[in-house]
Amino acid sequence: MTDRTGPRQLAAREKERQALELRKAGASYEQIAHQLKYANQGGAYKAVKRALDNIPAPAVAELRRIQGERIETLILALWPEASKGRWLAIDRVIRLMEREAALFGLDAPVQVDLTNRIRTEADRLAERYGLNAQALIAEAERFLREDA
């Protein structure tokens, strides 16, 4: 078992915390890597991810709330220009609204027509490999029933 309280581990967790704070403040992963001396932006990304993974669930909810408030503030700031038909402001408001919907899971799930997709794929495989398309469709339907 790894000691999570040794000096090196504590220093690493502190650096991850600093990376998360920089990210919350709007710093890019490249900027975080440079400031905290990570080898590259991938290292900074992983540090932020580890810091987020270690945050208790109530703190994650608080971060989501703060992020939502920031988005709302930006939308309110852009709204007068968007309401006047200014395309750039409209585009930014739409992007912020999309981000807000993703953050809070507001979008309805995408419906996929599996029946048509299975038939199309079965026909393609049957033609390419000389298989029985009806047998492939039956097998796919059996699999879907078992998986449900």
N, C-alpha and C. Protein backbone atom coordinates (compact mmCIF):
# COMPACT_ATOMS: atom_id res chain seq x y z
N MET A 1 0.84 -1.18 0.00
CA MET A 1 0.00 0.00 0.00
C MET A 1 0.89 1.25 0.00
N THR A 2 0.55 2.22 -0.81
CA THR A 2 1.34 3.43 -0.96
C THR A 2 1.01 4.42 0.15
N ASP A 3 2.06 5.04 0.69
CA ASP A 3 1.87 6.07 1.72
C ASP A 3 1.40 7.34 1.03
N ARG A 4 0.19 7.77 1.33
CA ARG A 4 -0.38 8.97 0.70
C ARG A 4 -0.08 10.23 1.49
N THR A 5 0.65 10.07 2.60
CA THR A 5 0.92 11.23 3.44
C THR A 5 2.40 11.59 3.51
N GLY A 6 3.23 10.92 2.71
CA GLY A 6 4.65 11.25 2.69
C GLY A 6 4.87 12.61 2.06
N PRO A 7 6.04 13.19 2.28
CA PRO A 7 6.32 14.54 1.76
C PRO A 7 6.16 14.65 0.24
N ARG A 8 6.59 13.66 -0.49
CA ARG A 8 6.47 13.72 -1.96
C ARG A 8 5.02 13.66 -2.40
N GLN A 9 4.24 12.78 -1.74
CA GLN A 9 2.82 12.65 -2.11
C GLN A 9 2.05 13.92 -1.75
N LEU A 10 2.36 14.49 -0.60
CA LEU A 10 1.69 15.73 -0.21
C LEU A 10 2.04 16.86 -1.17
N ALA A 11 3.30 16.93 -1.58
CA ALA A 11 3.72 17.96 -2.54
C ALA A 11 3.02 17.76 -3.88
N ALA A 12 2.89 16.51 -4.30
CA ALA A 12 2.21 16.22 -5.57
C ALA A 12 0.74 16.62 -5.50
N ARG A 13 0.09 16.31 -4.38
CA ARG A 13 -1.33 16.69 -4.24
C ARG A 13 -1.49 18.20 -4.20
N GLU A 14 -0.54 18.90 -3.58
CA GLU A 14 -0.61 20.36 -3.54
C GLU A 14 -0.45 20.94 -4.94
N LYS A 15 0.46 20.35 -5.71
CA LYS A 15 0.66 20.81 -7.09
C LYS A 15 -0.59 20.56 -7.93
N GLU A 16 -1.25 19.43 -7.72
CA GLU A 16 -2.50 19.13 -8.41
C GLU A 16 -3.58 20.14 -8.02
N ARG A 17 -3.63 20.48 -6.73
CA ARG A 17 -4.60 21.47 -6.27
C ARG A 17 -4.35 22.82 -6.94
N GLN A 18 -3.08 23.20 -7.04
CA GLN A 18 -2.73 24.46 -7.70
C GLN A 18 -3.12 24.42 -9.18
N ALA A 19 -2.91 23.27 -9.81
CA ALA A 19 -3.28 23.12 -11.22
C ALA A 19 -4.79 23.30 -11.38
N LEU A 20 -5.56 22.72 -10.48
CA LEU A 20 -7.01 22.86 -10.54
C LEU A 20 -7.43 24.32 -10.33
N GLU A 21 -6.81 24.99 -9.39
CA GLU A 21 -7.14 26.39 -9.14
C GLU A 21 -6.84 27.24 -10.37
N LEU A 22 -5.71 26.99 -11.01
CA LEU A 22 -5.37 27.73 -12.23
C LEU A 22 -6.40 27.45 -13.33
N ARG A 23 -6.81 26.19 -13.45
CA ARG A 23 -7.80 25.83 -14.48
C ARG A 23 -9.13 26.51 -14.20
N LYS A 24 -9.54 26.54 -12.93
CA LYS A 24 -10.80 27.20 -12.55
C LYS A 24 -10.73 28.69 -12.87
N ALA A 25 -9.53 29.25 -12.77
CA ALA A 25 -9.36 30.68 -13.05
C ALA A 25 -9.29 30.95 -14.55
N GLY A 26 -9.31 29.89 -15.37
CA GLY A 26 -9.34 30.08 -16.81
C GLY A 26 -8.03 29.80 -17.52
N ALA A 27 -7.01 29.34 -16.81
CA ALA A 27 -5.72 29.07 -17.45
C ALA A 27 -5.84 27.85 -18.37
N SER A 28 -5.13 27.89 -19.47
CA SER A 28 -5.08 26.74 -20.39
C SER A 28 -4.16 25.68 -19.79
N TYR A 29 -4.25 24.46 -20.31
CA TYR A 29 -3.36 23.40 -19.83
C TYR A 29 -1.90 23.74 -20.17
N GLU A 30 -1.69 24.40 -21.28
CA GLU A 30 -0.34 24.81 -21.64
C GLU A 30 0.20 25.82 -20.62
N GLN A 31 -0.63 26.77 -20.22
CA GLN A 31 -0.21 27.76 -19.22
C GLN A 31 0.06 27.10 -17.87
N ILE A 32 -0.80 26.16 -17.50
CA ILE A 32 -0.62 25.45 -16.23
C ILE A 32 0.68 24.66 -16.26
N ALA A 33 0.94 23.97 -17.36
CA ALA A 33 2.18 23.19 -17.49
C ALA A 33 3.39 24.10 -17.34
N HIS A 34 3.37 25.24 -17.98
CA HIS A 34 4.49 26.17 -17.91
C HIS A 34 4.68 26.70 -16.49
N GLN A 35 3.58 27.14 -15.88
CA GLN A 35 3.68 27.76 -14.55
C GLN A 35 4.08 26.76 -13.48
N LEU A 36 3.56 25.53 -13.55
CA LEU A 36 3.82 24.55 -12.50
C LEU A 36 4.92 23.55 -12.88
N LYS A 37 5.55 23.79 -14.03
CA LYS A 37 6.70 22.99 -14.48
C LYS A 37 6.34 21.53 -14.79
N TYR A 38 5.15 21.32 -15.38
CA TYR A 38 4.84 20.00 -15.92
C TYR A 38 5.55 19.86 -17.25
N ALA A 39 5.87 18.65 -17.65
CA ALA A 39 6.61 18.42 -18.89
C ALA A 39 5.85 18.93 -20.11
N ASN A 40 4.53 18.81 -20.07
CA ASN A 40 3.72 19.25 -21.21
C ASN A 40 2.28 19.46 -20.73
N GLN A 41 1.42 19.87 -21.66
CA GLN A 41 0.03 20.14 -21.27
C GLN A 41 -0.71 18.86 -20.89
N GLY A 42 -0.25 17.71 -21.39
CA GLY A 42 -0.86 16.44 -21.00
C GLY A 42 -0.66 16.18 -19.51
N GLY A 43 0.52 16.52 -18.99
CA GLY A 43 0.78 16.36 -17.56
C GLY A 43 -0.11 17.27 -16.74
N ALA A 44 -0.31 18.49 -17.24
CA ALA A 44 -1.18 19.44 -16.54
C ALA A 44 -2.62 18.93 -16.56
N TYR A 45 -3.06 18.42 -17.70
CA TYR A 45 -4.42 17.88 -17.81
C TYR A 45 -4.62 16.74 -16.80
N LYS A 46 -3.65 15.82 -16.74
CA LYS A 46 -3.76 14.68 -15.81
C LYS A 46 -3.78 15.16 -14.36
N ALA A 47 -3.00 16.19 -14.04
CA ALA A 47 -2.99 16.72 -12.68
C ALA A 47 -4.35 17.30 -12.32
N VAL A 48 -4.95 18.06 -13.24
CA VAL A 48 -6.27 18.64 -12.99
C VAL A 48 -7.29 17.52 -12.83
N LYS A 49 -7.21 16.51 -13.68
CA LYS A 49 -8.14 15.38 -13.59
C LYS A 49 -8.00 14.65 -12.26
N ARG A 50 -6.78 14.40 -11.82
CA ARG A 50 -6.57 13.75 -10.51
C ARG A 50 -7.15 14.61 -9.39
N ALA A 51 -6.93 15.91 -9.46
CA ALA A 51 -7.47 16.81 -8.44
C ALA A 51 -9.00 16.75 -8.43
N LEU A 52 -9.60 16.73 -9.60
CA LEU A 52 -11.06 16.66 -9.68
C LEU A 52 -11.57 15.32 -9.16
N ASP A 53 -10.85 14.24 -9.48
CA ASP A 53 -11.26 12.91 -9.03
C ASP A 53 -11.22 12.79 -7.51
N ASN A 54 -10.39 13.59 -6.86
CA ASN A 54 -10.25 13.53 -5.41
C ASN A 54 -11.20 14.47 -4.67
N ILE A 55 -11.99 15.22 -5.41
CA ILE A 55 -12.93 16.15 -4.78
C ILE A 55 -14.17 15.37 -4.36
N PRO A 56 -14.61 15.53 -3.12
CA PRO A 56 -15.84 14.85 -2.69
C PRO A 56 -17.04 15.33 -3.51
N ALA A 57 -18.05 14.49 -3.63
CA ALA A 57 -19.23 14.80 -4.46
C ALA A 57 -19.87 16.14 -4.15
N PRO A 58 -20.04 16.52 -2.87
CA PRO A 58 -20.64 17.84 -2.62
C PRO A 58 -19.80 18.98 -3.19
N ALA A 59 -18.49 18.83 -3.18
CA ALA A 59 -17.63 19.87 -3.73
C ALA A 59 -17.78 19.94 -5.25
N VAL A 60 -17.96 18.79 -5.90
CA VAL A 60 -18.18 18.77 -7.35
C VAL A 60 -19.47 19.51 -7.68
N ALA A 61 -20.51 19.27 -6.89
CA ALA A 61 -21.77 19.98 -7.10
C ALA A 61 -21.56 21.48 -6.95
N GLU A 62 -20.75 21.89 -5.99
CA GLU A 62 -20.47 23.30 -5.80
C GLU A 62 -19.71 23.87 -6.99
N LEU A 63 -18.74 23.12 -7.51
CA LEU A 63 -18.02 23.57 -8.71
C LEU A 63 -18.97 23.73 -9.90
N ARG A 64 -19.88 22.78 -10.03
CA ARG A 64 -20.85 22.84 -11.13
C ARG A 64 -21.73 24.09 -10.97
N ARG A 65 -22.13 24.39 -9.74
CA ARG A 65 -22.95 25.57 -9.47
C ARG A 65 -22.19 26.85 -9.81
N ILE A 66 -20.93 26.90 -9.41
CA ILE A 66 -20.10 28.07 -9.70
C ILE A 66 -19.93 28.23 -11.21
N GLN A 67 -19.66 27.14 -11.88
CA GLN A 67 -19.51 27.20 -13.34
C GLN A 67 -20.80 27.67 -13.99
N GLY A 68 -21.93 27.19 -13.50
CA GLY A 68 -23.22 27.62 -14.03
C GLY A 68 -23.45 29.11 -13.82
N GLU A 69 -23.05 29.61 -12.67
CA GLU A 69 -23.18 31.04 -12.39
C GLU A 69 -22.29 31.86 -13.33
N ARG A 70 -21.10 31.37 -13.60
CA ARG A 70 -20.21 32.08 -14.53
C ARG A 70 -20.81 32.13 -15.93
N ILE A 71 -21.37 31.02 -16.35
CA ILE A 71 -22.00 30.98 -17.67
C ILE A 71 -23.15 31.97 -17.73
N GLU A 72 -23.99 31.97 -16.70
CA GLU A 72 -25.13 32.89 -16.66
C GLU A 72 -24.67 34.35 -16.68
N THR A 73 -23.60 34.66 -15.96
CA THR A 73 -23.06 36.02 -15.95
C THR A 73 -22.61 36.43 -17.34
N LEU A 74 -21.94 35.52 -18.03
CA LEU A 74 -21.49 35.83 -19.39
C LEU A 74 -22.66 35.99 -20.36
N ILE A 75 -23.66 35.14 -20.21
CA ILE A 75 -24.85 35.27 -21.07
C ILE A 75 -25.52 36.62 -20.84
N LEU A 76 -25.67 37.00 -19.57
CA LEU A 76 -26.29 38.30 -19.27
C LEU A 76 -25.49 39.46 -19.85
N ALA A 77 -24.17 39.35 -19.82
CA ALA A 77 -23.33 40.42 -20.36
C ALA A 77 -23.47 40.53 -21.88
N LEU A 78 -23.65 39.41 -22.54
CA LEU A 78 -23.75 39.39 -24.01
C LEU A 78 -25.17 39.62 -24.52
N TRP A 79 -26.16 39.42 -23.66
CA TRP A 79 -27.55 39.45 -24.10
C TRP A 79 -27.97 40.74 -24.79
N PRO A 80 -27.60 41.92 -24.29
CA PRO A 80 -28.04 43.14 -24.98
C PRO A 80 -27.55 43.20 -26.43
N GLU A 81 -26.32 42.80 -26.67
CA GLU A 81 -25.80 42.81 -28.03
C GLU A 81 -26.45 41.72 -28.88
N ALA A 82 -26.66 40.56 -28.30
CA ALA A 82 -27.32 39.47 -29.03
C ALA A 82 -28.75 39.85 -29.39
N SER A 83 -29.43 40.54 -28.48
CA SER A 83 -30.81 40.97 -28.72
C SER A 83 -30.91 41.99 -29.85
N LYS A 84 -29.82 42.69 -30.11
CA LYS A 84 -29.78 43.66 -31.21
C LYS A 84 -29.44 43.00 -32.54
N GLY A 85 -29.23 41.68 -32.50
CA GLY A 85 -28.93 40.97 -33.74
C GLY A 85 -27.46 40.91 -34.10
N ARG A 86 -26.60 41.23 -33.19
CA ARG A 86 -25.16 41.16 -33.46
C ARG A 86 -24.74 39.70 -33.49
N TRP A 87 -24.29 39.26 -34.67
CA TRP A 87 -24.03 37.85 -34.91
C TRP A 87 -22.99 37.24 -33.97
N LEU A 88 -21.92 37.95 -33.71
CA LEU A 88 -20.89 37.40 -32.84
C LEU A 88 -21.43 37.17 -31.43
N ALA A 89 -22.20 38.12 -30.93
CA ALA A 89 -22.81 37.96 -29.60
C ALA A 89 -23.81 36.81 -29.60
N ILE A 90 -24.60 36.71 -30.66
CA ILE A 90 -25.56 35.61 -30.77
C ILE A 90 -24.82 34.27 -30.74
N ASP A 91 -23.74 34.18 -31.53
CA ASP A 91 -22.96 32.94 -31.57
C ASP A 91 -22.42 32.59 -30.19
N ARG A 92 -21.89 33.57 -29.48
CA ARG A 92 -21.32 33.32 -28.14
C ARG A 92 -22.41 32.91 -27.15
N VAL A 93 -23.57 33.54 -27.22
CA VAL A 93 -24.66 33.18 -26.32
C VAL A 93 -25.09 31.74 -26.58
N ILE A 94 -25.21 31.39 -27.84
CA ILE A 94 -25.60 30.01 -28.17
C ILE A 94 -24.56 29.03 -27.65
N ARG A 95 -23.29 29.31 -27.83
CA ARG A 95 -22.24 28.41 -27.34
C ARG A 95 -22.27 28.30 -25.82
N LEU A 96 -22.50 29.41 -25.14
CA LEU A 96 -22.61 29.37 -23.68
C LEU A 96 -23.82 28.56 -23.24
N MET A 97 -24.93 28.71 -23.96
CA MET A 97 -26.13 27.94 -23.63
C MET A 97 -25.90 26.45 -23.87
N GLU A 98 -25.17 26.11 -24.92
CA GLU A 98 -24.84 24.70 -25.17
C GLU A 98 -23.98 24.15 -24.04
N ARG A 99 -23.02 24.96 -23.59
CA ARG A 99 -22.15 24.53 -22.49
C ARG A 99 -22.95 24.34 -21.21
N GLU A 100 -23.89 25.25 -20.98
CA GLU A 100 -24.75 25.15 -19.80
C GLU A 100 -25.60 23.89 -19.86
N ALA A 101 -26.15 23.60 -21.02
CA ALA A 101 -26.98 22.39 -21.18
C ALA A 101 -26.14 21.14 -20.93
N ALA A 102 -24.92 21.13 -21.42
CA ALA A 102 -24.04 19.98 -21.19
C ALA A 102 -23.68 19.85 -19.71
N LEU A 103 -23.39 20.98 -19.07
CA LEU A 103 -23.00 20.99 -17.67
C LEU A 103 -24.09 20.42 -16.77
N PHE A 104 -25.34 20.75 -17.09
CA PHE A 104 -26.45 20.33 -16.25
C PHE A 104 -27.26 19.18 -16.84
N GLY A 105 -26.81 18.61 -17.96
CA GLY A 105 -27.50 17.47 -18.56
C GLY A 105 -28.90 17.79 -19.04
N LEU A 106 -29.07 18.98 -19.64
CA LEU A 106 -30.40 19.44 -20.03
C LEU A 106 -30.87 18.90 -21.38
N ASP A 107 -29.95 18.48 -22.21
CA ASP A 107 -30.35 18.01 -23.54
C ASP A 107 -30.96 16.61 -23.45
N ALA A 108 -31.99 16.41 -24.26
CA ALA A 108 -32.62 15.09 -24.33
C ALA A 108 -31.67 14.11 -24.99
N PRO A 109 -31.74 12.84 -24.61
CA PRO A 109 -30.87 11.85 -25.25
C PRO A 109 -31.14 11.78 -26.75
N VAL A 110 -30.11 11.51 -27.51
CA VAL A 110 -30.24 11.39 -28.96
C VAL A 110 -30.86 10.02 -29.28
N GLN A 111 -31.91 10.04 -30.09
CA GLN A 111 -32.55 8.79 -30.49
C GLN A 111 -31.83 8.22 -31.71
N VAL A 112 -31.53 6.93 -31.65
CA VAL A 112 -30.84 6.27 -32.75
C VAL A 112 -31.75 5.18 -33.29
N ASP A 113 -31.93 5.15 -34.60
CA ASP A 113 -32.75 4.12 -35.25
C ASP A 113 -31.87 2.89 -35.45
N LEU A 114 -31.84 2.01 -34.44
CA LEU A 114 -30.99 0.83 -34.51
C LEU A 114 -31.47 -0.17 -35.56
N THR A 115 -32.77 -0.27 -35.74
CA THR A 115 -33.29 -1.24 -36.70
C THR A 115 -32.74 -0.97 -38.09
N ASN A 116 -32.85 0.26 -38.54
CA ASN A 116 -32.34 0.62 -39.87
C ASN A 116 -30.82 0.46 -39.92
N ARG A 117 -30.13 0.87 -38.87
CA ARG A 117 -28.67 0.76 -38.83
C ARG A 117 -28.23 -0.70 -38.90
N ILE A 118 -28.92 -1.59 -38.17
CA ILE A 118 -28.59 -3.02 -38.19
C ILE A 118 -28.82 -3.60 -39.57
N ARG A 119 -29.95 -3.26 -40.19
CA ARG A 119 -30.23 -3.79 -41.53
C ARG A 119 -29.18 -3.33 -42.55
N THR A 120 -28.82 -2.05 -42.50
CA THR A 120 -27.83 -1.52 -43.42
C THR A 120 -26.49 -2.22 -43.23
N GLU A 121 -26.09 -2.38 -41.99
CA GLU A 121 -24.80 -3.04 -41.70
C GLU A 121 -24.84 -4.52 -42.07
N ALA A 122 -25.96 -5.18 -41.80
CA ALA A 122 -26.10 -6.60 -42.15
C ALA A 122 -26.02 -6.79 -43.65
N ASP A 123 -26.66 -5.91 -44.41
CA ASP A 123 -26.59 -5.99 -45.88
C ASP A 123 -25.16 -5.80 -46.37
N ARG A 124 -24.46 -4.85 -45.76
CA ARG A 124 -23.08 -4.57 -46.17
C ARG A 124 -22.20 -5.77 -45.87
N LEU A 125 -22.33 -6.35 -44.69
CA LEU A 125 -21.51 -7.51 -44.31
C LEU A 125 -21.86 -8.73 -45.16
N ALA A 126 -23.16 -8.90 -45.42
CA ALA A 126 -23.59 -10.05 -46.24
C ALA A 126 -22.98 -9.97 -47.63
N GLU A 127 -23.00 -8.78 -48.20
CA GLU A 127 -22.45 -8.60 -49.55
C GLU A 127 -20.93 -8.77 -49.54
N ARG A 128 -20.29 -8.21 -48.58
CA ARG A 128 -18.82 -8.22 -48.54
C ARG A 128 -18.26 -9.61 -48.24
N TYR A 129 -18.90 -10.32 -47.29
CA TYR A 129 -18.34 -11.60 -46.84
C TYR A 129 -19.19 -12.81 -47.23
N GLY A 130 -20.24 -12.59 -48.01
CA GLY A 130 -21.08 -13.70 -48.44
C GLY A 130 -21.87 -14.33 -47.30
N LEU A 131 -22.30 -13.51 -46.36
CA LEU A 131 -23.05 -14.00 -45.21
C LEU A 131 -24.54 -13.84 -45.45
N ASN A 132 -25.32 -14.45 -44.59
CA ASN A 132 -26.78 -14.36 -44.66
C ASN A 132 -27.23 -13.13 -43.88
N ALA A 133 -27.76 -12.14 -44.57
CA ALA A 133 -28.16 -10.89 -43.93
C ALA A 133 -29.25 -11.12 -42.90
N GLN A 134 -30.22 -11.97 -43.19
CA GLN A 134 -31.32 -12.23 -42.24
C GLN A 134 -30.79 -12.87 -40.96
N ALA A 135 -29.81 -13.77 -41.10
CA ALA A 135 -29.22 -14.41 -39.91
C ALA A 135 -28.47 -13.38 -39.07
N LEU A 136 -27.77 -12.45 -39.73
CA LEU A 136 -27.06 -11.40 -39.00
C LEU A 136 -28.04 -10.49 -38.25
N ILE A 137 -29.15 -10.16 -38.91
CA ILE A 137 -30.16 -9.31 -38.27
C ILE A 137 -30.76 -10.04 -37.06
N ALA A 138 -31.07 -11.32 -37.22
CA ALA A 138 -31.65 -12.10 -36.11
C ALA A 138 -30.67 -12.16 -34.94
N GLU A 139 -29.39 -12.35 -35.23
CA GLU A 139 -28.38 -12.42 -34.17
C GLU A 139 -28.25 -11.07 -33.45
N ALA A 140 -28.28 -9.98 -34.19
CA ALA A 140 -28.20 -8.65 -33.59
C ALA A 140 -29.41 -8.40 -32.71
N GLU A 141 -30.59 -8.76 -33.17
CA GLU A 141 -31.81 -8.57 -32.38
C GLU A 141 -31.78 -9.42 -31.11
N ARG A 142 -31.26 -10.66 -31.21
CA ARG A 142 -31.12 -11.53 -30.03
C ARG A 142 -30.18 -10.88 -29.02
N PHE A 143 -29.08 -10.35 -29.50
CA PHE A 143 -28.09 -9.69 -28.64
C PHE A 143 -28.72 -8.49 -27.93
N LEU A 144 -29.47 -7.69 -28.67
CA LEU A 144 -30.10 -6.51 -28.08
C LEU A 144 -31.14 -6.88 -27.02
N ARG A 145 -31.88 -7.97 -27.26
CA ARG A 145 -32.86 -8.41 -26.26
C ARG A 145 -32.17 -8.86 -24.98
N GLU A 146 -31.05 -9.56 -25.11
CA GLU A 146 -30.31 -10.04 -23.94
C GLU A 146 -29.68 -8.88 -23.18
N ASP A 147 -29.24 -7.86 -23.91
CA ASP A 147 -28.55 -6.73 -23.31
C ASP A 147 -29.51 -5.79 -22.59
N ALA A 148 -30.79 -5.83 -22.96
CA ALA A 148 -31.77 -4.89 -22.40
C ALA A 148 -32.13 -5.19 -20.97
